[in-house]
Amino acid sequence: MSRNAPAAASGGAWCCEIADGVRLVLQVTPNAKKSQVIGPLEGVLKLRLQAQPIEGKANEALVRFLAELLDVPRSRISISHGLTSKRKMVEVLGAELTAEKVMRVLLADAQ
């Protein structure tokens, strides 16, 4: 796992750069009234999703939500760990993506 010094310095342990993109560590709460970014907490970025955690609906909603926020195609987002867990590791591919840019976009949406 690559470490990004600016991300670590700004408390962004939940976001690091990888080859061709970024890796996010998320804690997802399904069944919310609306999908939203809550903010960073204890090394993860907390999100709420307006989807039920059955039959992969919350995972699909997570990919759609991130794709919309980060302006990338859904096909560039994959959940690499935690398909059935609230804690997930997500990889977003895109040569133009940096940890700093992704953190700025996601935290701008934080409630």
C-alpha atoms as a PDB file:
ATOM      1  CA  MET A   1       0.000   0.000   0.000  1.00  0.00           C
ATOM      2  CA  SER A   2       1.511   3.319  -1.002  1.00  0.00           C
ATOM      3  CA  ARG A   3       1.590   6.121   1.507  1.00  0.00           C
ATOM      4  CA  ASN A   4       0.855   9.674   0.577  1.00  0.00           C
ATOM      5  CA  ALA A   5       2.564  12.103   2.946  1.00  0.00           C
ATOM      6  CA  PRO A   6       0.200  15.059   2.347  1.00  0.00           C
ATOM      7  CA  ALA A   7      -2.817  12.807   2.907  1.00  0.00           C
ATOM      8  CA  ALA A   8      -1.413  11.449   6.155  1.00  0.00           C
ATOM      9  CA  ALA A   9      -0.422  14.922   7.331  1.00  0.00           C
ATOM     10  CA  SER A  10      -3.944  16.237   6.833  1.00  0.00           C
ATOM     11  CA  GLY A  11      -5.605  13.345   8.674  1.00  0.00           C
ATOM     12  CA  GLY A  12      -6.523  11.558   5.449  1.00  0.00           C
ATOM     13  CA  ALA A  13      -5.513   8.040   6.453  1.00  0.00           C
ATOM     14  CA  TRP A  14      -8.736   6.955   4.759  1.00  0.00           C
ATOM     15  CA  CYS A  15      -7.446   8.049   1.340  1.00  0.00           C
ATOM     16  CA  CYS A  16      -4.160   7.102  -0.304  1.00  0.00           C
ATOM     17  CA  GLU A  17      -2.804   7.013  -3.815  1.00  0.00           C
ATOM     18  CA  ILE A  18      -2.316   3.731  -5.644  1.00  0.00           C
ATOM     19  CA  ALA A  19      -1.156   2.992  -9.168  1.00  0.00           C
ATOM     20  CA  ASP A  20      -3.628   4.725 -11.519  1.00  0.00           C
ATOM     21  CA  GLY A  21      -5.937   6.095  -8.829  1.00  0.00           C
ATOM     22  CA  VAL A  22      -6.813   6.206  -5.133  1.00  0.00           C
ATOM     23  CA  ARG A  23      -7.858   3.785  -2.402  1.00  0.00           C
ATOM     24  CA  LEU A  24     -10.543   4.803   0.098  1.00  0.00           C
ATOM     25  CA  VAL A  25     -11.350   3.245   3.469  1.00  0.00           C
ATOM     26  CA  LEU A  26     -15.018   3.846   4.187  1.00  0.00           C
ATOM     27  CA  GLN A  27     -17.531   3.076   6.893  1.00  0.00           C
ATOM     28  CA  VAL A  28     -20.977   2.880   5.338  1.00  0.00           C
ATOM     29  CA  THR A  29     -24.298   3.171   7.141  1.00  0.00           C
ATOM     30  CA  PRO A  30     -27.205   1.960   4.964  1.00  0.00           C
ATOM     31  CA  ASN A  31     -30.918   2.814   5.313  1.00  0.00           C
ATOM     32  CA  ALA A  32     -30.303   6.557   5.655  1.00  0.00           C
ATOM     33  CA  LYS A  33     -32.837   9.205   4.663  1.00  0.00           C
ATOM     34  CA  LYS A  34     -30.367  10.450   2.056  1.00  0.00           C
ATOM     35  CA  SER A  35     -26.924   9.533   0.778  1.00  0.00           C
ATOM     36  CA  GLN A  36     -24.287  11.827   2.217  1.00  0.00           C
ATOM     37  CA  VAL A  37     -20.685  12.095   3.379  1.00  0.00           C
ATOM     38  CA  ILE A  38     -20.512  12.457   7.164  1.00  0.00           C
ATOM     39  CA  GLY A  39     -16.775  13.024   7.479  1.00  0.00           C
ATOM     40  CA  PRO A  40     -13.554  11.379   8.620  1.00  0.00           C
ATOM     41  CA  LEU A  41     -13.434   9.492  11.916  1.00  0.00           C
ATOM     42  CA  GLU A  42     -10.738   7.182  13.290  1.00  0.00           C
ATOM     43  CA  GLY A  43      -9.025   6.455   9.971  1.00  0.00           C
ATOM     44  CA  VAL A  44     -12.169   5.985   7.864  1.00  0.00           C
ATOM     45  CA  LEU A  45     -14.513   8.258   5.947  1.00  0.00           C
ATOM     46  CA  LYS A  46     -18.064   7.807   7.200  1.00  0.00           C
ATOM     47  CA  LEU A  47     -20.897   7.780   4.648  1.00  0.00           C
ATOM     48  CA  ARG A  48     -24.636   7.287   4.858  1.00  0.00           C
ATOM     49  CA  LEU A  49     -26.435   5.633   1.965  1.00  0.00           C
ATOM     50  CA  GLN A  50     -30.080   5.749   0.995  1.00  0.00           C
ATOM     51  CA  ALA A  51     -30.165   2.038   0.207  1.00  0.00           C
ATOM     52  CA  GLN A  52     -30.924  -1.203   1.987  1.00  0.00           C
ATOM     53  CA  PRO A  53     -28.088  -3.625   2.728  1.00  0.00           C
ATOM     54  CA  ILE A  54     -29.755  -6.509   0.883  1.00  0.00           C
ATOM     55  CA  GLU A  55     -28.833  -8.195  -2.384  1.00  0.00           C
ATOM     56  CA  GLY A  56     -25.927  -5.787  -2.971  1.00  0.00           C
ATOM     57  CA  LYS A  57     -28.156  -2.698  -3.174  1.00  0.00           C
ATOM     58  CA  ALA A  58     -26.034  -0.699  -0.718  1.00  0.00           C
ATOM     59  CA  ASN A  59     -22.845  -1.592  -2.621  1.00  0.00           C
ATOM     60  CA  GLU A  60     -24.444  -0.503  -5.906  1.00  0.00           C
ATOM     61  CA  ALA A  61     -25.608   2.737  -4.272  1.00  0.00           C
ATOM     62  CA  LEU A  62     -22.102   3.342  -2.910  1.00  0.00           C
ATOM     63  CA  VAL A  63     -20.536   2.976  -6.361  1.00  0.00           C
ATOM     64  CA  ARG A  64     -23.168   5.281  -7.916  1.00  0.00           C
ATOM     65  CA  PHE A  65     -22.737   7.869  -5.145  1.00  0.00           C
ATOM     66  CA  LEU A  66     -18.927   7.944  -5.413  1.00  0.00           C
ATOM     67  CA  ALA A  67     -19.030   8.010  -9.219  1.00  0.00           C
ATOM     68  CA  GLU A  68     -21.314  11.042  -9.122  1.00  0.00           C
ATOM     69  CA  LEU A  69     -19.266  12.908  -6.509  1.00  0.00           C
ATOM     70  CA  LEU A  70     -15.902  12.184  -8.127  1.00  0.00           C
ATOM     71  CA  ASP A  71     -17.162  12.539 -11.711  1.00  0.00           C
ATOM     72  CA  VAL A  72     -15.821   9.180 -12.858  1.00  0.00           C
ATOM     73  CA  PRO A  73     -17.571   6.294 -14.633  1.00  0.00           C
ATOM     74  CA  ARG A  74     -18.993   3.631 -12.311  1.00  0.00           C
ATOM     75  CA  SER A  75     -16.830   1.057 -14.101  1.00  0.00           C
ATOM     76  CA  ARG A  76     -13.728   2.761 -12.627  1.00  0.00           C
ATOM     77  CA  ILE A  77     -14.864   2.077  -9.032  1.00  0.00           C
ATOM     78  CA  SER A  78     -14.500  -1.285  -7.319  1.00  0.00           C
ATOM     79  CA  ILE A  79     -15.053  -2.484  -3.774  1.00  0.00           C
ATOM     80  CA  SER A  80     -11.909  -4.522  -3.102  1.00  0.00           C
ATOM     81  CA  HIS A  81     -12.654  -5.516   0.516  1.00  0.00           C
ATOM     82  CA  GLY A  82     -15.761  -5.574   2.685  1.00  0.00           C
ATOM     83  CA  LEU A  83     -18.553  -6.461   0.269  1.00  0.00           C
ATOM     84  CA  THR A  84     -20.698  -7.665   3.188  1.00  0.00           C
ATOM     85  CA  SER A  85     -19.284  -5.354   5.857  1.00  0.00           C
ATOM     86  CA  LYS A  86     -19.965  -1.753   6.874  1.00  0.00           C
ATOM     87  CA  ARG A  87     -16.234  -1.103   6.571  1.00  0.00           C
ATOM     88  CA  LYS A  88     -15.134  -1.161   2.939  1.00  0.00           C
ATOM     89  CA  MET A  89     -12.008  -0.581   0.919  1.00  0.00           C
ATOM     90  CA  VAL A  90     -12.785   1.021  -2.428  1.00  0.00           C
ATOM     91  CA  GLU A  91     -10.458   1.634  -5.358  1.00  0.00           C
ATOM     92  CA  VAL A  92     -11.185   4.457  -7.784  1.00  0.00           C
ATOM     93  CA  LEU A  93      -9.152   4.352 -10.971  1.00  0.00           C
ATOM     94  CA  GLY A  94      -8.278   7.445 -12.929  1.00  0.00           C
ATOM     95  CA  ALA A  95      -4.861   8.844 -13.783  1.00  0.00           C
ATOM     96  CA  GLU A  96      -6.149  12.352 -13.010  1.00  0.00           C
ATOM     97  CA  LEU A  97      -7.152  11.411  -9.452  1.00  0.00           C
ATOM     98  CA  THR A  98      -4.908  12.322  -6.531  1.00  0.00           C
ATOM     99  CA  ALA A  99      -5.523  11.728  -2.845  1.00  0.00           C
ATOM    100  CA  GLU A 100      -5.605  15.483  -2.288  1.00  0.00           C
ATOM    101  CA  LYS A 101      -8.223  16.071  -4.997  1.00  0.00           C
ATOM    102  CA  VAL A 102     -10.430  13.184  -3.839  1.00  0.00           C
ATOM    103  CA  MET A 103     -10.286  14.292  -0.199  1.00  0.00           C
ATOM    104  CA  ARG A 104     -11.151  17.868  -1.191  1.00  0.00           C
ATOM    105  CA  VAL A 105     -14.179  16.745  -3.229  1.00  0.00           C
ATOM    106  CA  LEU A 106     -15.513  14.271  -0.675  1.00  0.00           C
ATOM    107  CA  LEU A 107     -14.989  16.535   2.336  1.00  0.00           C
ATOM    108  CA  ALA A 108     -16.670  19.428   0.512  1.00  0.00           C
ATOM    109  CA  ASP A 109     -19.790  17.241   0.484  1.00  0.00           C
ATOM    110  CA  ALA A 110     -19.488  16.366   4.197  1.00  0.00           C
ATOM    111  CA  GLN A 111     -22.419  17.316   6.407  1.00  0.00           C
END
